[in-house]
Amino acid sequence: MVLGDGVWQLGAAAHEIAENTPGVAWVKQDGQREPDRARAFHVTDAALAVLREYFRPAEVRPFPTTPDGAGGWRHDGRYAG
Protein backbone atom coordinates (compact mmCIF):
# COMPACT_ATOMS: atom_id res chain seq x y z
CA MET A 1 0.00 0.00 0.00
CA VAL A 2 1.05 3.56 -0.61
CA LEU A 3 0.30 4.52 3.02
CA GLY A 4 2.94 2.13 4.34
CA ASP A 5 3.26 -1.19 6.11
CA GLY A 6 0.75 -2.00 8.82
CA VAL A 7 -1.80 0.67 7.88
CA TRP A 8 -4.40 -1.95 6.96
CA GLN A 9 -4.19 -3.32 10.53
CA LEU A 10 -4.86 0.21 11.80
CA GLY A 11 -8.14 0.37 9.88
CA ALA A 12 -7.35 1.63 6.39
CA ALA A 13 -9.29 -1.07 4.53
CA ALA A 14 -9.23 0.41 1.03
CA HIS A 15 -10.82 -2.73 -0.42
CA GLU A 16 -13.97 -1.96 1.61
CA ILE A 17 -14.58 1.43 -0.03
CA ALA A 18 -17.71 1.06 -2.16
CA GLU A 19 -17.51 1.93 -5.85
CA ASN A 20 -20.59 4.18 -5.50
CA THR A 21 -18.72 6.55 -3.16
CA PRO A 22 -16.38 8.46 -5.50
CA GLY A 23 -13.68 10.51 -3.84
CA VAL A 24 -13.40 8.36 -0.69
CA ALA A 25 -9.86 7.44 0.35
CA TRP A 26 -7.61 6.77 3.30
CA VAL A 27 -4.99 9.40 4.08
CA LYS A 28 -2.15 9.79 6.55
CA GLN A 29 -0.67 12.95 7.91
CA ASP A 30 2.96 13.36 8.90
CA GLY A 31 3.44 12.56 12.54
CA GLN A 32 0.13 10.70 12.85
CA ARG A 33 0.15 6.93 13.17
CA GLU A 34 -3.53 6.22 12.42
CA PRO A 35 -5.01 6.81 8.95
CA ASP A 36 -8.09 8.99 8.42
CA ARG A 37 -10.95 8.30 6.05
CA ALA A 38 -11.42 11.30 3.77
CA ARG A 39 -13.71 12.31 0.95
CA ALA A 40 -12.95 14.82 -1.76
CA PHE A 41 -15.87 16.53 -3.46
CA HIS A 42 -17.12 14.96 -6.66
CA VAL A 43 -17.98 17.30 -9.54
CA THR A 44 -20.27 15.84 -12.19
CA ASP A 45 -20.58 16.96 -15.80
CA ALA A 46 -24.09 18.24 -15.02
CA ALA A 47 -22.77 20.39 -12.17
CA LEU A 48 -20.09 21.84 -14.45
CA ALA A 49 -22.75 22.73 -17.05
CA VAL A 50 -24.76 24.60 -14.39
CA LEU A 51 -21.62 26.49 -13.29
CA ARG A 52 -20.82 27.39 -16.90
CA GLU A 53 -24.26 28.96 -17.35
CA TYR A 54 -24.05 30.77 -14.01
CA PHE A 55 -20.68 32.35 -14.82
CA ARG A 56 -21.26 33.04 -18.52
CA PRO A 57 -20.11 36.49 -19.70
CA ALA A 58 -22.57 39.30 -19.10
CA GLU A 59 -23.72 41.67 -21.81
CA VAL A 60 -21.64 44.83 -21.68
CA ARG A 61 -23.31 48.11 -22.53
CA PRO A 62 -21.59 51.48 -22.90
CA PHE A 63 -22.18 53.97 -20.11
CA PRO A 64 -23.76 57.26 -21.27
CA THR A 65 -21.27 60.02 -20.54
CA THR A 66 -23.09 63.07 -21.86
CA PRO A 67 -24.43 65.23 -19.01
CA ASP A 68 -26.73 67.25 -21.27
CA GLY A 69 -28.98 64.28 -22.03
CA ALA A 70 -27.81 63.82 -25.61
CA GLY A 71 -27.57 60.18 -26.51
CA GLY A 72 -28.34 57.76 -23.71
CA TRP A 73 -30.56 54.71 -23.58
CA ARG A 74 -33.57 54.12 -25.80
CA HIS A 75 -36.79 52.54 -24.59
CA ASP A 76 -35.81 49.22 -26.19
CA GLY A 77 -32.67 49.01 -24.04
CA ARG A 78 -30.14 49.94 -26.74
CA TYR A 79 -27.72 52.83 -26.51
CA ALA A 80 -28.54 55.78 -28.79
CA GLY A 81 -25.28 57.68 -28.49
PDB file of N, CA and C in Angstrom:
ATOM      1  N   MET A   1       0.830  -1.191   0.000  1.00  0.00           N
ATOM      2  CA  MET A   1       0.000   0.000   0.000  1.00  0.00           C
ATOM      3  C   MET A   1       0.866   1.243   0.000  1.00  0.00           C
ATOM      4  N   VAL A   2       0.341   2.301  -0.544  1.00  0.00           N
ATOM      5  CA  VAL A   2       1.047   3.562  -0.608  1.00  0.00           C
ATOM      6  C   VAL A   2       1.213   4.168   0.790  1.00  0.00           C
ATOM      7  N   LEU A   3       0.262   3.912   1.690  1.00  0.00           N
ATOM      8  CA  LEU A   3       0.298   4.515   3.016  1.00  0.00           C
ATOM      9  C   LEU A   3       1.347   3.884   3.928  1.00  0.00           C
ATOM     10  N   GLY A   4       1.871   2.746   3.549  1.00  0.00           N
ATOM     11  CA  GLY A   4       2.936   2.129   4.338  1.00  0.00           C
ATOM     12  C   GLY A   4       2.520   0.807   4.955  1.00  0.00           C
ATOM     13  N   ASP A   5       3.501   0.110   5.487  1.00  0.00           N
ATOM     14  CA  ASP A   5       3.260  -1.194   6.110  1.00  0.00           C
ATOM     15  C   ASP A   5       2.428  -1.039   7.387  1.00  0.00           C
ATOM     16  N   GLY A   6       1.518  -1.967   7.588  1.00  0.00           N
ATOM     17  CA  GLY A   6       0.749  -2.002   8.822  1.00  0.00           C
ATOM     18  C   GLY A   6      -0.450  -1.064   8.879  1.00  0.00           C
ATOM     19  N   VAL A   7      -0.684  -0.280   7.835  1.00  0.00           N
ATOM     20  CA  VAL A   7      -1.799   0.674   7.876  1.00  0.00           C
ATOM     21  C   VAL A   7      -3.140  -0.059   7.778  1.00  0.00           C
ATOM     22  N   TRP A   8      -3.168  -1.167   7.062  1.00  0.00           N
ATOM     23  CA  TRP A   8      -4.401  -1.948   6.964  1.00  0.00           C
ATOM     24  C   TRP A   8      -4.831  -2.435   8.351  1.00  0.00           C
ATOM     25  N   GLN A   9      -3.868  -2.862   9.185  1.00  0.00           N
ATOM     26  CA  GLN A   9      -4.191  -3.321  10.532  1.00  0.00           C
ATOM     27  C   GLN A   9      -4.709  -2.179  11.410  1.00  0.00           C
ATOM     28  N   LEU A  10      -4.385  -0.953  11.040  1.00  0.00           N
ATOM     29  CA  LEU A  10      -4.857   0.209  11.798  1.00  0.00           C
ATOM     30  C   LEU A  10      -6.237   0.692  11.322  1.00  0.00           C
ATOM     31  N   GLY A  11      -6.787   0.039  10.303  1.00  0.00           N
ATOM     32  CA  GLY A  11      -8.141   0.369   9.882  1.00  0.00           C
ATOM     33  C   GLY A  11      -8.311   0.874   8.472  1.00  0.00           C
ATOM     34  N   ALA A  12      -7.238   1.092   7.752  1.00  0.00           N
ATOM     35  CA  ALA A  12      -7.348   1.626   6.392  1.00  0.00           C
ATOM     36  C   ALA A  12      -7.633   0.489   5.420  1.00  0.00           C
ATOM     37  N   ALA A  13      -8.886   0.043   5.394  1.00  0.00           N
ATOM     38  CA  ALA A  13      -9.291  -1.066   4.534  1.00  0.00           C
ATOM     39  C   ALA A  13      -9.794  -0.518   3.206  1.00  0.00           C
ATOM     40  N   ALA A  14      -8.867  -0.208   2.315  1.00  0.00           N
ATOM     41  CA  ALA A  14      -9.227   0.408   1.035  1.00  0.00           C
ATOM     42  C   ALA A  14     -10.123  -0.502   0.206  1.00  0.00           C
ATOM     43  N   HIS A  15      -9.993  -1.793   0.355  1.00  0.00           N
ATOM     44  CA  HIS A  15     -10.817  -2.733  -0.420  1.00  0.00           C
ATOM     45  C   HIS A  15     -12.290  -2.689   0.005  1.00  0.00           C
ATOM     46  N   GLU A  16     -12.589  -2.054   1.135  1.00  0.00           N
ATOM     47  CA  GLU A  16     -13.967  -1.959   1.611  1.00  0.00           C
ATOM     48  C   GLU A  16     -14.660  -0.663   1.167  1.00  0.00           C
ATOM     49  N   ILE A  17     -13.960   0.198   0.471  1.00  0.00           N
ATOM     50  CA  ILE A  17     -14.582   1.432  -0.029  1.00  0.00           C
ATOM     51  C   ILE A  17     -15.471   1.065  -1.213  1.00  0.00           C
ATOM     52  N   ALA A  18     -16.749   1.404  -1.113  1.00  0.00           N
ATOM     53  CA  ALA A  18     -17.710   1.059  -2.162  1.00  0.00           C
ATOM     54  C   ALA A  18     -17.440   1.860  -3.426  1.00  0.00           C
ATOM     55  N   GLU A  19     -17.716   1.252  -4.565  1.00  0.00           N
ATOM     56  CA  GLU A  19     -17.514   1.926  -5.852  1.00  0.00           C
ATOM     57  C   GLU A  19     -18.490   3.081  -6.057  1.00  0.00           C
ATOM     58  N   ASN A  20     -19.609   3.107  -5.341  1.00  0.00           N
ATOM     59  CA  ASN A  20     -20.589   4.180  -5.503  1.00  0.00           C
ATOM     60  C   ASN A  20     -20.325   5.355  -4.559  1.00  0.00           C
ATOM     61  N   THR A  21     -19.121   5.413  -4.001  1.00  0.00           N
ATOM     62  CA  THR A  21     -18.724   6.552  -3.161  1.00  0.00           C
ATOM     63  C   THR A  21     -17.459   7.179  -3.732  1.00  0.00           C
ATOM     64  N   PRO A  22     -17.573   7.880  -4.878  1.00  0.00           N
ATOM     65  CA  PRO A  22     -16.383   8.463  -5.500  1.00  0.00           C
ATOM     66  C   PRO A  22     -15.739   9.509  -4.603  1.00  0.00           C
ATOM     67  N   GLY A  23     -14.425   9.524  -4.612  1.00  0.00           N
ATOM     68  CA  GLY A  23     -13.684  10.513  -3.843  1.00  0.00           C
ATOM     69  C   GLY A  23     -13.285  10.051  -2.454  1.00  0.00           C
ATOM     70  N   VAL A  24     -13.738   8.868  -2.018  1.00  0.00           N
ATOM     71  CA  VAL A  24     -13.398   8.360  -0.686  1.00  0.00           C
ATOM     72  C   VAL A  24     -12.017   7.721  -0.737  1.00  0.00           C
ATOM     73  N   ALA A  25     -11.221   7.989   0.289  1.00  0.00           N
ATOM     74  CA  ALA A  25      -9.861   7.437   0.354  1.00  0.00           C
ATOM     75  C   ALA A  25      -9.397   7.404   1.798  1.00  0.00           C
ATOM     76  N   TRP A  26      -8.293   6.751   2.003  1.00  0.00           N
ATOM     77  CA  TRP A  26      -7.614   6.765   3.297  1.00  0.00           C
ATOM     78  C   TRP A  26      -6.378   7.638   3.154  1.00  0.00           C
ATOM     79  N   VAL A  27      -6.137   8.499   4.124  1.00  0.00           N
ATOM     80  CA  VAL A  27      -4.991   9.404   4.075  1.00  0.00           C
ATOM     81  C   VAL A  27      -4.240   9.340   5.395  1.00  0.00           C
ATOM     82  N   LYS A  28      -2.974   9.690   5.336  1.00  0.00           N
ATOM     83  CA  LYS A  28      -2.149   9.787   6.546  1.00  0.00           C
ATOM     84  C   LYS A  28      -1.476  11.140   6.554  1.00  0.00           C
ATOM     85  N   GLN A  29      -1.366  11.688   7.741  1.00  0.00           N
ATOM     86  CA  GLN A  29      -0.670  12.949   7.914  1.00  0.00           C
ATOM     87  C   GLN A  29       0.674  12.675   8.582  1.00  0.00           C
ATOM     88  N   ASP A  30       1.644  13.509   8.271  1.00  0.00           N
ATOM     89  CA  ASP A  30       2.955  13.363   8.900  1.00  0.00           C
ATOM     90  C   ASP A  30       2.809  13.455  10.412  1.00  0.00           C
ATOM     91  N   GLY A  31       3.460  12.548  11.079  1.00  0.00           N
ATOM     92  CA  GLY A  31       3.441  12.559  12.540  1.00  0.00           C
ATOM     93  C   GLY A  31       2.227  11.889  13.148  1.00  0.00           C
ATOM     94  N   GLN A  32       1.331  11.369  12.344  1.00  0.00           N
ATOM     95  CA  GLN A  32       0.125  10.703  12.848  1.00  0.00           C
ATOM     96  C   GLN A  32       0.191   9.235  12.464  1.00  0.00           C
ATOM     97  N   ARG A  33       0.034   8.361  13.439  1.00  0.00           N
ATOM     98  CA  ARG A  33       0.150   6.931  13.174  1.00  0.00           C
ATOM     99  C   ARG A  33      -1.093   6.384  12.474  1.00  0.00           C
ATOM    100  N   GLU A  34      -2.292   6.767  12.937  1.00  0.00           N
ATOM    101  CA  GLU A  34      -3.530   6.223  12.417  1.00  0.00           C
ATOM    102  C   GLU A  34      -3.959   6.940  11.128  1.00  0.00           C
ATOM    103  N   PRO A  35      -4.487   6.184  10.176  1.00  0.00           N
ATOM    104  CA  PRO A  35      -5.008   6.805   8.945  1.00  0.00           C
ATOM    105  C   PRO A  35      -6.393   7.404   9.194  1.00  0.00           C
ATOM    106  N   ASP A  36      -6.764   8.364   8.373  1.00  0.00           N
ATOM    107  CA  ASP A  36      -8.091   8.987   8.419  1.00  0.00           C
ATOM    108  C   ASP A  36      -8.824   8.693   7.124  1.00  0.00           C
ATOM    109  N   ARG A  37     -10.120   8.456   7.244  1.00  0.00           N
ATOM    110  CA  ARG A  37     -10.950   8.299   6.050  1.00  0.00           C
ATOM    111  C   ARG A  37     -11.323   9.703   5.585  1.00  0.00           C
ATOM    112  N   ALA A  38     -11.165   9.964   4.308  1.00  0.00           N
ATOM    113  CA  ALA A  38     -11.417  11.302   3.768  1.00  0.00           C
ATOM    114  C   ALA A  38     -12.287  11.184   2.519  1.00  0.00           C
ATOM    115  N   ARG A  39     -12.932  12.278   2.186  1.00  0.00           N
ATOM    116  CA  ARG A  39     -13.709  12.307   0.950  1.00  0.00           C
ATOM    117  C   ARG A  39     -13.527  13.655   0.278  1.00  0.00           C
ATOM    118  N   ALA A  40     -13.060  13.617  -0.947  1.00  0.00           N
ATOM    119  CA  ALA A  40     -12.950  14.824  -1.758  1.00  0.00           C
ATOM    120  C   ALA A  40     -14.294  15.051  -2.427  1.00  0.00           C
ATOM    121  N   PHE A  41     -14.609  16.281  -2.778  1.00  0.00           N
ATOM    122  CA  PHE A  41     -15.875  16.531  -3.463  1.00  0.00           C
ATOM    123  C   PHE A  41     -15.829  15.938  -4.856  1.00  0.00           C
ATOM    124  N   HIS A  42     -16.994  15.585  -5.339  1.00  0.00           N
ATOM    125  CA  HIS A  42     -17.117  14.961  -6.660  1.00  0.00           C
ATOM    126  C   HIS A  42     -17.917  15.899  -7.559  1.00  0.00           C
ATOM    127  N   VAL A  43     -17.317  16.374  -8.626  1.00  0.00           N
ATOM    128  CA  VAL A  43     -17.976  17.299  -9.541  1.00  0.00           C
ATOM    129  C   VAL A  43     -18.426  16.522 -10.777  1.00  0.00           C
ATOM    130  N   THR A  44     -19.724  16.545 -11.028  1.00  0.00           N
ATOM    131  CA  THR A  44     -20.268  15.839 -12.187  1.00  0.00           C
ATOM    132  C   THR A  44     -20.282  16.753 -13.410  1.00  0.00           C
ATOM    133  N   ASP A  45     -20.463  16.169 -14.573  1.00  0.00           N
ATOM    134  CA  ASP A  45     -20.583  16.956 -15.801  1.00  0.00           C
ATOM    135  C   ASP A  45     -21.797  17.885 -15.736  1.00  0.00           C
ATOM    136  N   ALA A  46     -22.888  17.405 -15.142  1.00  0.00           N
ATOM    137  CA  ALA A  46     -24.094  18.236 -15.020  1.00  0.00           C
ATOM    138  C   ALA A  46     -23.831  19.452 -14.140  1.00  0.00           C
ATOM    139  N   ALA A  47     -23.089  19.262 -13.046  1.00  0.00           N
ATOM    140  CA  ALA A  47     -22.770  20.391 -12.166  1.00  0.00           C
ATOM    141  C   ALA A  47     -21.881  21.401 -12.882  1.00  0.00           C
ATOM    142  N   LEU A  48     -20.951  20.938 -13.688  1.00  0.00           N
ATOM    143  CA  LEU A  48     -20.094  21.843 -14.454  1.00  0.00           C
ATOM    144  C   LEU A  48     -20.903  22.635 -15.481  1.00  0.00           C
ATOM    145  N   ALA A  49     -21.907  22.018 -16.085  1.00  0.00           N
ATOM    146  CA  ALA A  49     -22.750  22.730 -17.049  1.00  0.00           C
ATOM    147  C   ALA A  49     -23.540  23.838 -16.358  1.00  0.00           C
ATOM    148  N   VAL A  50     -24.032  23.582 -15.152  1.00  0.00           N
ATOM    149  CA  VAL A  50     -24.757  24.604 -14.393  1.00  0.00           C
ATOM    150  C   VAL A  50     -23.818  25.759 -14.048  1.00  0.00           C
ATOM    151  N   LEU A  51     -22.596  25.447 -13.612  1.00  0.00           N
ATOM    152  CA  LEU A  51     -21.620  26.494 -13.294  1.00  0.00           C
ATOM    153  C   LEU A  51     -21.266  27.328 -14.518  1.00  0.00           C
ATOM    154  N   ARG A  52     -21.137  26.674 -15.665  1.00  0.00           N
ATOM    155  CA  ARG A  52     -20.818  27.395 -16.900  1.00  0.00           C
ATOM    156  C   ARG A  52     -21.905  28.418 -17.215  1.00  0.00           C
ATOM    157  N   GLU A  53     -23.165  28.031 -17.077  1.00  0.00           N
ATOM    158  CA  GLU A  53     -24.264  28.955 -17.346  1.00  0.00           C
ATOM    159  C   GLU A  53     -24.303  30.083 -16.314  1.00  0.00           C
ATOM    160  N   TYR A  54     -24.011  29.766 -15.079  1.00  0.00           N
ATOM    161  CA  TYR A  54     -24.048  30.769 -14.014  1.00  0.00           C
ATOM    162  C   TYR A  54     -22.976  31.840 -14.217  1.00  0.00           C
ATOM    163  N   PHE A  55     -21.799  31.423 -14.668  1.00  0.00           N
ATOM    164  CA  PHE A  55     -20.682  32.347 -14.822  1.00  0.00           C
ATOM    165  C   PHE A  55     -20.441  32.773 -16.266  1.00  0.00           C
ATOM    166  N   ARG A  56     -21.441  32.626 -17.119  1.00  0.00           N
ATOM    167  CA  ARG A  56     -21.258  33.044 -18.515  1.00  0.00           C
ATOM    168  C   ARG A  56     -21.052  34.563 -18.572  1.00  0.00           C
ATOM    169  N   PRO A  57     -20.388  35.046 -19.594  1.00  0.00           N
ATOM    170  CA  PRO A  57     -20.114  36.486 -19.695  1.00  0.00           C
ATOM    171  C   PRO A  57     -21.412  37.299 -19.766  1.00  0.00           C
ATOM    172  N   ALA A  58     -21.416  38.407 -19.086  1.00  0.00           N
ATOM    173  CA  ALA A  58     -22.567  39.303 -19.104  1.00  0.00           C
ATOM    174  C   ALA A  58     -22.517  40.198 -20.331  1.00  0.00           C
ATOM    175  N   GLU A  59     -23.665  40.724 -20.709  1.00  0.00           N
ATOM    176  CA  GLU A  59     -23.724  41.669 -21.815  1.00  0.00           C
ATOM    177  C   GLU A  59     -23.175  43.011 -21.330  1.00  0.00           C
ATOM    178  N   VAL A  60     -22.250  43.555 -22.059  1.00  0.00           N
ATOM    179  CA  VAL A  60     -21.637  44.828 -21.683  1.00  0.00           C
ATOM    180  C   VAL A  60     -22.254  45.934 -22.524  1.00  0.00           C
ATOM    181  N   ARG A  61     -22.715  46.967 -21.834  1.00  0.00           N
ATOM    182  CA  ARG A  61     -23.307  48.113 -22.526  1.00  0.00           C
ATOM    183  C   ARG A  61     -22.485  49.358 -22.213  1.00  0.00           C
ATOM    184  N   PRO A  62     -22.346  50.259 -23.172  1.00  0.00           N
ATOM    185  CA  PRO A  62     -21.588  51.485 -22.897  1.00  0.00           C
ATOM    186  C   PRO A  62     -22.339  52.371 -21.905  1.00  0.00           C
ATOM    187  N   PHE A  63     -21.597  53.065 -21.091  1.00  0.00           N
ATOM    188  CA  PHE A  63     -22.177  53.971 -20.109  1.00  0.00           C
ATOM    189  C   PHE A  63     -22.354  55.339 -20.751  1.00  0.00           C
ATOM    190  N   PRO A  64     -23.563  55.930 -20.668  1.00  0.00           N
ATOM    191  CA  PRO A  64     -23.761  57.255 -21.271  1.00  0.00           C
ATOM    192  C   PRO A  64     -22.966  58.304 -20.495  1.00  0.00           C
ATOM    193  N   THR A  65     -22.148  59.056 -21.207  1.00  0.00           N
ATOM    194  CA  THR A  65     -21.267  60.017 -20.538  1.00  0.00           C
ATOM    195  C   THR A  65     -21.637  61.465 -20.813  1.00  0.00           C
ATOM    196  N   THR A  66     -22.727  61.692 -21.524  1.00  0.00           N
ATOM    197  CA  THR A  66     -23.089  63.073 -21.861  1.00  0.00           C
ATOM    198  C   THR A  66     -24.020  63.636 -20.795  1.00  0.00           C
ATOM    199  N   PRO A  67     -23.599  64.685 -20.084  1.00  0.00           N
ATOM    200  CA  PRO A  67     -24.425  65.232 -19.008  1.00  0.00           C
ATOM    201  C   PRO A  67     -25.622  66.029 -19.507  1.00  0.00           C
ATOM    202  N   ASP A  68     -25.633  66.421 -20.772  1.00  0.00           N
ATOM    203  CA  ASP A  68     -26.735  67.251 -21.271  1.00  0.00           C
ATOM    204  C   ASP A  68     -27.927  66.430 -21.763  1.00  0.00           C
ATOM    205  N   GLY A  69     -27.862  65.124 -21.625  1.00  0.00           N
ATOM    206  CA  GLY A  69     -28.976  64.281 -22.032  1.00  0.00           C
ATOM    207  C   GLY A  69     -28.907  63.818 -23.465  1.00  0.00           C
ATOM    208  N   ALA A  70     -27.944  64.282 -24.236  1.00  0.00           N
ATOM    209  CA  ALA A  70     -27.813  63.822 -25.610  1.00  0.00           C
ATOM    210  C   ALA A  70     -27.374  62.362 -25.599  1.00  0.00           C
ATOM    211  N   GLY A  71     -27.889  61.602 -26.486  1.00  0.00           N
ATOM    212  CA  GLY A  71     -27.566  60.182 -26.507  1.00  0.00           C
ATOM    213  C   GLY A  71     -28.310  59.474 -25.386  1.00  0.00           C
ATOM    214  N   GLY A  72     -27.725  58.487 -24.828  1.00  0.00           N
ATOM    215  CA  GLY A  72     -28.339  57.757 -23.715  1.00  0.00           C
ATOM    216  C   GLY A  72     -29.044  56.507 -24.186  1.00  0.00           C
ATOM    217  N   TRP A  73     -29.876  55.979 -23.324  1.00  0.00           N
ATOM    218  CA  TRP A  73     -30.560  54.711 -23.577  1.00  0.00           C
ATOM    219  C   TRP A  73     -31.916  54.939 -24.223  1.00  0.00           C
ATOM    220  N   ARG A  74     -32.253  54.090 -25.166  1.00  0.00           N
ATOM    221  CA  ARG A  74     -33.566  54.125 -25.797  1.00  0.00           C
ATOM    222  C   ARG A  74     -34.519  53.225 -25.006  1.00  0.00           C
ATOM    223  N   HIS A  75     -35.807  53.342 -25.310  1.00  0.00           N
ATOM    224  CA  HIS A  75     -36.792  52.539 -24.586  1.00  0.00           C
ATOM    225  C   HIS A  75     -36.638  51.038 -24.823  1.00  0.00           C
ATOM    226  N   ASP A  76     -36.001  50.654 -25.922  1.00  0.00           N
ATOM    227  CA  ASP A  76     -35.805  49.222 -26.192  1.00  0.00           C
ATOM    228  C   ASP A  76     -34.530  48.677 -25.566  1.00  0.00           C
ATOM    229  N   GLY A  77     -33.835  49.489 -24.757  1.00  0.00           N
ATOM    230  CA  GLY A  77     -32.673  49.013 -24.042  1.00  0.00           C
ATOM    231  C   GLY A  77     -31.352  49.188 -24.775  1.00  0.00           C
ATOM    232  N   ARG A  78     -31.383  49.727 -26.001  1.00  0.00           N
ATOM    233  CA  ARG A  78     -30.139  49.942 -26.743  1.00  0.00           C
ATOM    234  C   ARG A  78     -29.643  51.362 -26.531  1.00  0.00           C
ATOM    235  N   TYR A  79     -28.342  51.522 -26.710  1.00  0.00           N
ATOM    236  CA  TYR A  79     -27.723  52.830 -26.515  1.00  0.00           C
ATOM    237  C   TYR A  79     -27.874  53.672 -27.785  1.00  0.00           C
ATOM    238  N   ALA A  80     -28.320  54.901 -27.634  1.00  0.00           N
ATOM    239  CA  ALA A  80     -28.536  55.777 -28.787  1.00  0.00           C
ATOM    240  C   ALA A  80     -27.547  56.928 -28.761  1.00  0.00           C
ATOM    241  N   GLY A  81     -26.285  56.640 -28.640  1.00  0.00           N
ATOM    242  CA  GLY A  81     -25.279  57.677 -28.486  1.00  0.00           C
ATOM    243  C   GLY A  81     -24.654  58.146 -29.729  1.00  0.00           C
TER     244      GLY A  81
END
